[in-house]
Amino acid sequence: MRRLPVYLLLDTSGSMNGEPIEAVKNGVQIMISSLRQNPQAIETAFLSIITFDSNAKQIVPLTDLASFQMADIRATGTTALGEALKLVSLCIDKEVAKTTAEQKGDWKPLVFIMTDGVPTDDWQSGLSMFKQRKTAYTVACAAGHGADTAVLKQITENVVSLDTADSATISRFFAWVTASIGVTSTRVEDSGKELTGLSELPPPPSELNIVV
């Protein structure tokens, strides 16, 4: 079976402490519950969580939805986005099955990045490594006004911004991510075609501003 790998890169730096980090935890739990109700997603989607603060860590390896258990996350430290991009590149190399002459590999992975700040490490070296990996699409979310959308636009064309990093807005972002994973898993199952960008995803809610 061809899996649809989904990588969530979540900023857990100190500025996310309090309401934002709690909203992220809730958002992930609700997302998993919703996707488990989706017959296509439960068959196809596999999810991994990478957090980044002063370091990047893969706290949940690529896991099917039925077995997925969220690890505890705390907000502390700086914003090692570059290290997270390097780590997701290595995880894609290791976890995503390649297509060979004998078999079809996994579908191209989906990557969702959420950050509320500016990278504090050498993000460009992480980006050059990430750019060498093939993803179906990458979406970056700037949560609140502290995030640098210009940096995120260099990572991907698909950038959305949230005016505030409060629980209501973050929950809307995760609801949209859930819908996007659901639509993508249905599309690959039904038509064998991959989605390529924002235009093919469900329209974002009004709280998400598309950065052009």
C-alpha atoms as a PDB file:
ATOM      1  CA  MET A   1       0.000   0.000   0.000  1.00  0.00           C
ATOM      2  CA  ARG A   2       1.273   3.468  -0.914  1.00  0.00           C
ATOM      3  CA  ARG A   3       1.303   5.706   2.137  1.00  0.00           C
ATOM      4  CA  LEU A   4       0.688   9.462   2.205  1.00  0.00           C
ATOM      5  CA  PRO A   5       3.402  10.766   4.573  1.00  0.00           C
ATOM      6  CA  VAL A   6       2.600  13.989   6.443  1.00  0.00           C
ATOM      7  CA  TYR A   7       5.254  15.898   8.409  1.00  0.00           C
ATOM      8  CA  LEU A   8       4.251  18.616  10.877  1.00  0.00           C
ATOM      9  CA  LEU A   9       7.097  20.951  11.898  1.00  0.00           C
ATOM     10  CA  LEU A  10       5.992  22.811  15.026  1.00  0.00           C
ATOM     11  CA  ASP A  11       7.723  25.764  16.655  1.00  0.00           C
ATOM     12  CA  THR A  12       8.095  25.063  20.400  1.00  0.00           C
ATOM     13  CA  SER A  13      10.320  28.054  21.225  1.00  0.00           C
ATOM     14  CA  GLY A  14       9.794  30.090  24.404  1.00  0.00           C
ATOM     15  CA  SER A  15       7.521  32.640  22.711  1.00  0.00           C
ATOM     16  CA  MET A  16       4.958  29.866  22.110  1.00  0.00           C
ATOM     17  CA  ASN A  17       4.579  29.342  25.868  1.00  0.00           C
ATOM     18  CA  GLY A  18       1.095  29.513  27.393  1.00  0.00           C
ATOM     19  CA  GLU A  19      -1.994  29.701  25.192  1.00  0.00           C
ATOM     20  CA  PRO A  20      -0.246  29.101  21.816  1.00  0.00           C
ATOM     21  CA  ILE A  21       1.445  25.815  22.780  1.00  0.00           C
ATOM     22  CA  GLU A  22      -1.735  24.527  24.458  1.00  0.00           C
ATOM     23  CA  ALA A  23      -3.662  25.403  21.289  1.00  0.00           C
ATOM     24  CA  VAL A  24      -1.124  23.473  19.186  1.00  0.00           C
ATOM     25  CA  LYS A  25      -1.480  20.391  21.425  1.00  0.00           C
ATOM     26  CA  ASN A  26      -5.281  20.575  21.193  1.00  0.00           C
ATOM     27  CA  GLY A  27      -5.118  21.186  17.445  1.00  0.00           C
ATOM     28  CA  VAL A  28      -3.044  18.043  16.868  1.00  0.00           C
ATOM     29  CA  GLN A  29      -5.352  15.899  19.028  1.00  0.00           C
ATOM     30  CA  ILE A  30      -8.495  17.139  17.270  1.00  0.00           C
ATOM     31  CA  MET A  31      -6.800  16.649  13.894  1.00  0.00           C
ATOM     32  CA  ILE A  32      -5.955  13.017  14.694  1.00  0.00           C
ATOM     33  CA  SER A  33      -9.515  12.344  15.934  1.00  0.00           C
ATOM     34  CA  SER A  34     -11.011  13.889  12.780  1.00  0.00           C
ATOM     35  CA  LEU A  35      -8.699  12.047  10.391  1.00  0.00           C
ATOM     36  CA  ARG A  36      -9.480   8.751  12.106  1.00  0.00           C
ATOM     37  CA  GLN A  37     -13.126   9.287  11.061  1.00  0.00           C
ATOM     38  CA  ASN A  38     -12.062   9.673   7.410  1.00  0.00           C
ATOM     39  CA  PRO A  39     -11.980   6.251   5.690  1.00  0.00           C
ATOM     40  CA  GLN A  40      -9.429   7.341   3.062  1.00  0.00           C
ATOM     41  CA  ALA A  41      -7.137   9.091   5.532  1.00  0.00           C
ATOM     42  CA  ILE A  42      -7.134   6.223   8.029  1.00  0.00           C
ATOM     43  CA  GLU A  43      -5.964   3.894   5.225  1.00  0.00           C
ATOM     44  CA  THR A  44      -3.424   6.201   3.617  1.00  0.00           C
ATOM     45  CA  ALA A  45      -2.152   9.041   5.825  1.00  0.00           C
ATOM     46  CA  PHE A  46       0.861   8.529   8.105  1.00  0.00           C
ATOM     47  CA  LEU A  47       1.869  11.379  10.394  1.00  0.00           C
ATOM     48  CA  SER A  48       5.122  12.537  11.979  1.00  0.00           C
ATOM     49  CA  ILE A  49       5.747  15.448  14.355  1.00  0.00           C
ATOM     50  CA  ILE A  50       9.011  17.389  14.436  1.00  0.00           C
ATOM     51  CA  THR A  51       9.398  20.148  17.038  1.00  0.00           C
ATOM     52  CA  PHE A  52      11.994  22.892  16.933  1.00  0.00           C
ATOM     53  CA  ASP A  53      13.188  25.218  19.685  1.00  0.00           C
ATOM     54  CA  SER A  54      16.920  25.468  20.485  1.00  0.00           C
ATOM     55  CA  ASN A  55      17.143  22.032  18.787  1.00  0.00           C
ATOM     56  CA  ALA A  56      14.970  20.057  16.388  1.00  0.00           C
ATOM     57  CA  LYS A  57      13.576  16.672  17.444  1.00  0.00           C
ATOM     58  CA  GLN A  58      11.352  14.126  15.749  1.00  0.00           C
ATOM     59  CA  ILE A  59       9.058  13.453  18.697  1.00  0.00           C
ATOM     60  CA  VAL A  60       6.735  11.147  16.723  1.00  0.00           C
ATOM     61  CA  PRO A  61       8.188   9.091  13.841  1.00  0.00           C
ATOM     62  CA  LEU A  62       6.036   8.476  10.764  1.00  0.00           C
ATOM     63  CA  THR A  63       3.067   6.560  12.229  1.00  0.00           C
ATOM     64  CA  ASP A  64      -0.319   5.367  11.009  1.00  0.00           C
ATOM     65  CA  LEU A  65      -3.285   7.272  12.419  1.00  0.00           C
ATOM     66  CA  ALA A  66      -4.657   4.332  14.402  1.00  0.00           C
ATOM     67  CA  SER A  67      -1.395   3.950  16.382  1.00  0.00           C
ATOM     68  CA  PHE A  68      -0.532   7.663  16.624  1.00  0.00           C
ATOM     69  CA  GLN A  69       0.113   8.944  20.162  1.00  0.00           C
ATOM     70  CA  MET A  70       1.117  12.544  20.702  1.00  0.00           C
ATOM     71  CA  ALA A  71       4.206  13.134  22.824  1.00  0.00           C
ATOM     72  CA  ASP A  72       4.169  15.966  25.357  1.00  0.00           C
ATOM     73  CA  ILE A  73       5.541  19.271  24.080  1.00  0.00           C
ATOM     74  CA  ARG A  74       6.741  22.284  26.045  1.00  0.00           C
ATOM     75  CA  ALA A  75       7.678  25.743  24.824  1.00  0.00           C
ATOM     76  CA  THR A  76      11.234  26.820  25.642  1.00  0.00           C
ATOM     77  CA  GLY A  77      14.381  28.133  23.966  1.00  0.00           C
ATOM     78  CA  THR A  78      15.096  29.674  20.559  1.00  0.00           C
ATOM     79  CA  THR A  79      13.941  28.929  16.981  1.00  0.00           C
ATOM     80  CA  ALA A  80      16.131  26.370  15.146  1.00  0.00           C
ATOM     81  CA  LEU A  81      14.081  26.283  11.940  1.00  0.00           C
ATOM     82  CA  GLY A  82      17.150  25.416   9.834  1.00  0.00           C
ATOM     83  CA  GLU A  83      17.829  22.370  11.968  1.00  0.00           C
ATOM     84  CA  ALA A  84      14.165  21.320  11.594  1.00  0.00           C
ATOM     85  CA  LEU A  85      14.450  21.551   7.794  1.00  0.00           C
ATOM     86  CA  LYS A  86      17.588  19.382   7.898  1.00  0.00           C
ATOM     87  CA  LEU A  87      15.887  16.882  10.195  1.00  0.00           C
ATOM     88  CA  VAL A  88      12.746  16.556   8.058  1.00  0.00           C
ATOM     89  CA  SER A  89      14.995  16.009   5.013  1.00  0.00           C
ATOM     90  CA  LEU A  90      16.760  13.125   6.784  1.00  0.00           C
ATOM     91  CA  CYS A  91      13.415  11.703   8.003  1.00  0.00           C
ATOM     92  CA  ILE A  92      12.033  11.782   4.435  1.00  0.00           C
ATOM     93  CA  ASP A  93      15.154   9.940   3.225  1.00  0.00           C
ATOM     94  CA  LYS A  94      14.767   7.294   5.908  1.00  0.00           C
ATOM     95  CA  GLU A  95      10.981   6.878   6.211  1.00  0.00           C
ATOM     96  CA  VAL A  96       9.445   7.532   2.782  1.00  0.00           C
ATOM     97  CA  ALA A  97       9.590   4.526   0.427  1.00  0.00           C
ATOM     98  CA  LYS A  98      11.025   5.370  -3.009  1.00  0.00           C
ATOM     99  CA  THR A  99       9.534   4.143  -6.262  1.00  0.00           C
ATOM    100  CA  THR A 100      11.700   1.447  -7.878  1.00  0.00           C
ATOM    101  CA  ALA A 101      11.395  -0.746 -10.971  1.00  0.00           C
ATOM    102  CA  GLU A 102       9.756  -3.406  -8.779  1.00  0.00           C
ATOM    103  CA  GLN A 103       7.290  -1.318  -6.779  1.00  0.00           C
ATOM    104  CA  LYS A 104       5.538   1.987  -6.449  1.00  0.00           C
ATOM    105  CA  GLY A 105       6.885   3.922  -3.473  1.00  0.00           C
ATOM    106  CA  ASP A 106       4.927   6.133  -1.099  1.00  0.00           C
ATOM    107  CA  TRP A 107       3.169   9.258  -2.298  1.00  0.00           C
ATOM    108  CA  LYS A 108       5.217  12.446  -2.109  1.00  0.00           C
ATOM    109  CA  PRO A 109       5.084  13.802   1.453  1.00  0.00           C
ATOM    110  CA  LEU A 110       3.092  16.805   2.637  1.00  0.00           C
ATOM    111  CA  VAL A 111       4.950  19.196   4.941  1.00  0.00           C
ATOM    112  CA  PHE A 112       3.235  21.756   7.210  1.00  0.00           C
ATOM    113  CA  ILE A 113       5.434  24.240   9.104  1.00  0.00           C
ATOM    114  CA  MET A 114       4.123  26.488  11.878  1.00  0.00           C
ATOM    115  CA  THR A 115       6.270  29.176  13.513  1.00  0.00           C
ATOM    116  CA  ASP A 116       5.657  32.349  15.490  1.00  0.00           C
ATOM    117  CA  GLY A 117       9.160  33.803  15.198  1.00  0.00           C
ATOM    118  CA  VAL A 118      12.309  34.417  13.199  1.00  0.00           C
ATOM    119  CA  PRO A 119      14.868  31.589  12.775  1.00  0.00           C
ATOM    120  CA  THR A 120      17.814  31.873  15.167  1.00  0.00           C
ATOM    121  CA  ASP A 121      20.078  29.402  13.352  1.00  0.00           C
ATOM    122  CA  ASP A 122      21.534  28.983   9.860  1.00  0.00           C
ATOM    123  CA  TRP A 123      18.173  28.338   8.220  1.00  0.00           C
ATOM    124  CA  GLN A 124      19.558  28.727   4.684  1.00  0.00           C
ATOM    125  CA  SER A 125      21.758  25.620   4.939  1.00  0.00           C
ATOM    126  CA  GLY A 126      18.704  23.695   6.211  1.00  0.00           C
ATOM    127  CA  LEU A 127      16.667  25.089   3.331  1.00  0.00           C
ATOM    128  CA  SER A 128      19.196  24.046   0.677  1.00  0.00           C
ATOM    129  CA  MET A 129      19.046  20.489   2.031  1.00  0.00           C
ATOM    130  CA  PHE A 130      15.225  20.527   2.158  1.00  0.00           C
ATOM    131  CA  LYS A 131      14.969  21.851  -1.428  1.00  0.00           C
ATOM    132  CA  GLN A 132      16.703  18.692  -2.661  1.00  0.00           C
ATOM    133  CA  ARG A 133      13.810  16.552  -1.366  1.00  0.00           C
ATOM    134  CA  LYS A 134      10.634  16.063  -3.379  1.00  0.00           C
ATOM    135  CA  THR A 135       7.422  16.968  -1.562  1.00  0.00           C
ATOM    136  CA  ALA A 136       3.905  17.121  -3.015  1.00  0.00           C
ATOM    137  CA  TYR A 137       3.506  20.494  -1.336  1.00  0.00           C
ATOM    138  CA  THR A 138       4.824  22.384   1.672  1.00  0.00           C
ATOM    139  CA  VAL A 139       2.671  24.904   3.546  1.00  0.00           C
ATOM    140  CA  ALA A 140       4.256  27.347   6.004  1.00  0.00           C
ATOM    141  CA  CYS A 141       2.185  29.215   8.586  1.00  0.00           C
ATOM    142  CA  ALA A 142       3.333  32.458  10.229  1.00  0.00           C
ATOM    143  CA  ALA A 143       1.499  32.564  13.565  1.00  0.00           C
ATOM    144  CA  GLY A 144       1.210  36.166  14.756  1.00  0.00           C
ATOM    145  CA  HIS A 145       3.186  39.233  13.769  1.00  0.00           C
ATOM    146  CA  GLY A 146       6.534  37.999  15.146  1.00  0.00           C
ATOM    147  CA  ALA A 147       7.021  35.520  12.279  1.00  0.00           C
ATOM    148  CA  ASP A 148       8.977  36.492   9.165  1.00  0.00           C
ATOM    149  CA  THR A 149       6.865  35.681   6.095  1.00  0.00           C
ATOM    150  CA  ALA A 150       9.759  36.643   3.773  1.00  0.00           C
ATOM    151  CA  VAL A 151      11.826  33.754   5.197  1.00  0.00           C
ATOM    152  CA  LEU A 152       8.875  31.374   4.864  1.00  0.00           C
ATOM    153  CA  LYS A 153       8.303  32.440   1.234  1.00  0.00           C
ATOM    154  CA  GLN A 154      11.846  31.261   0.467  1.00  0.00           C
ATOM    155  CA  ILE A 155      10.944  27.826   1.856  1.00  0.00           C
ATOM    156  CA  THR A 156       7.661  27.497  -0.072  1.00  0.00           C
ATOM    157  CA  GLU A 157       5.279  29.462  -2.270  1.00  0.00           C
ATOM    158  CA  ASN A 158       2.420  28.327  -0.028  1.00  0.00           C
ATOM    159  CA  VAL A 159       2.505  30.666   2.976  1.00  0.00           C
ATOM    160  CA  VAL A 160      -0.422  31.604   5.202  1.00  0.00           C
ATOM    161  CA  SER A 161      -0.367  33.999   8.143  1.00  0.00           C
ATOM    162  CA  LEU A 162      -2.437  34.251  11.316  1.00  0.00           C
ATOM    163  CA  ASP A 163      -2.987  37.727  12.770  1.00  0.00           C
ATOM    164  CA  THR A 164      -2.818  36.311  16.290  1.00  0.00           C
ATOM    165  CA  ALA A 165      -1.348  33.152  17.835  1.00  0.00           C
ATOM    166  CA  ASP A 166      -4.353  32.556  20.109  1.00  0.00           C
ATOM    167  CA  SER A 167      -6.262  29.333  20.629  1.00  0.00           C
ATOM    168  CA  ALA A 168      -9.187  30.170  18.324  1.00  0.00           C
ATOM    169  CA  THR A 169      -6.972  31.097  15.375  1.00  0.00           C
ATOM    170  CA  ILE A 170      -4.517  28.216  15.821  1.00  0.00           C
ATOM    171  CA  SER A 171      -7.440  25.776  16.038  1.00  0.00           C
ATOM    172  CA  ARG A 172      -8.744  27.123  12.705  1.00  0.00           C
ATOM    173  CA  PHE A 173      -5.320  26.503  11.152  1.00  0.00           C
ATOM    174  CA  PHE A 174      -5.288  22.890  12.347  1.00  0.00           C
ATOM    175  CA  ALA A 175      -8.868  22.376  11.103  1.00  0.00           C
ATOM    176  CA  TRP A 176      -7.732  23.539   7.667  1.00  0.00           C
ATOM    177  CA  VAL A 177      -4.650  21.264   7.775  1.00  0.00           C
ATOM    178  CA  THR A 178      -6.997  18.380   8.671  1.00  0.00           C
ATOM    179  CA  ALA A 179      -9.246  19.178   5.688  1.00  0.00           C
ATOM    180  CA  SER A 180      -6.198  19.466   3.403  1.00  0.00           C
ATOM    181  CA  ILE A 181      -4.856  16.049   4.464  1.00  0.00           C
ATOM    182  CA  GLY A 182      -8.343  14.578   4.013  1.00  0.00           C
ATOM    183  CA  VAL A 183      -8.736  16.002   0.491  1.00  0.00           C
ATOM    184  CA  THR A 184      -5.234  14.866  -0.496  1.00  0.00           C
ATOM    185  CA  SER A 185      -5.721  11.323   0.799  1.00  0.00           C
ATOM    186  CA  THR A 186      -9.052  11.056  -1.070  1.00  0.00           C
ATOM    187  CA  ARG A 187      -7.462  12.390  -4.260  1.00  0.00           C
ATOM    188  CA  VAL A 188      -4.522   9.955  -4.250  1.00  0.00           C
ATOM    189  CA  GLU A 189      -6.806   7.025  -3.393  1.00  0.00           C
ATOM    190  CA  ASP A 190      -9.467   7.846  -6.005  1.00  0.00           C
ATOM    191  CA  SER A 191      -7.477   9.214  -8.918  1.00  0.00           C
ATOM    192  CA  GLY A 192      -3.853   8.291  -8.204  1.00  0.00           C
ATOM    193  CA  LYS A 193      -2.923  11.951  -8.694  1.00  0.00           C
ATOM    194  CA  GLU A 194      -1.041  14.153  -6.250  1.00  0.00           C
ATOM    195  CA  LEU A 195      -1.999  17.675  -5.285  1.00  0.00           C
ATOM    196  CA  THR A 196       0.553  20.366  -5.972  1.00  0.00           C
ATOM    197  CA  GLY A 197      -0.404  23.533  -4.124  1.00  0.00           C
ATOM    198  CA  LEU A 198      -2.840  25.803  -2.319  1.00  0.00           C
ATOM    199  CA  SER A 199      -5.155  26.222  -5.310  1.00  0.00           C
ATOM    200  CA  GLU A 200      -6.177  22.546  -5.074  1.00  0.00           C
ATOM    201  CA  LEU A 201      -6.702  22.542  -1.293  1.00  0.00           C
ATOM    202  CA  PRO A 202      -9.900  23.521   0.538  1.00  0.00           C
ATOM    203  CA  PRO A 203     -10.207  27.328   0.777  1.00  0.00           C
ATOM    204  CA  PRO A 204      -8.553  28.541   3.999  1.00  0.00           C
ATOM    205  CA  PRO A 205     -10.853  30.031   6.665  1.00  0.00           C
ATOM    206  CA  SER A 206     -10.972  33.821   6.996  1.00  0.00           C
ATOM    207  CA  GLU A 207      -8.478  33.728   9.909  1.00  0.00           C
ATOM    208  CA  LEU A 208      -5.777  32.495   7.497  1.00  0.00           C
ATOM    209  CA  ASN A 209      -4.334  35.171   5.228  1.00  0.00           C
ATOM    210  CA  ILE A 210      -2.650  33.859   2.057  1.00  0.00           C
ATOM    211  CA  VAL A 211       0.721  35.624   1.704  1.00  0.00           C
ATOM    212  CA  VAL A 212       1.406  36.548  -1.913  1.00  0.00           C
END
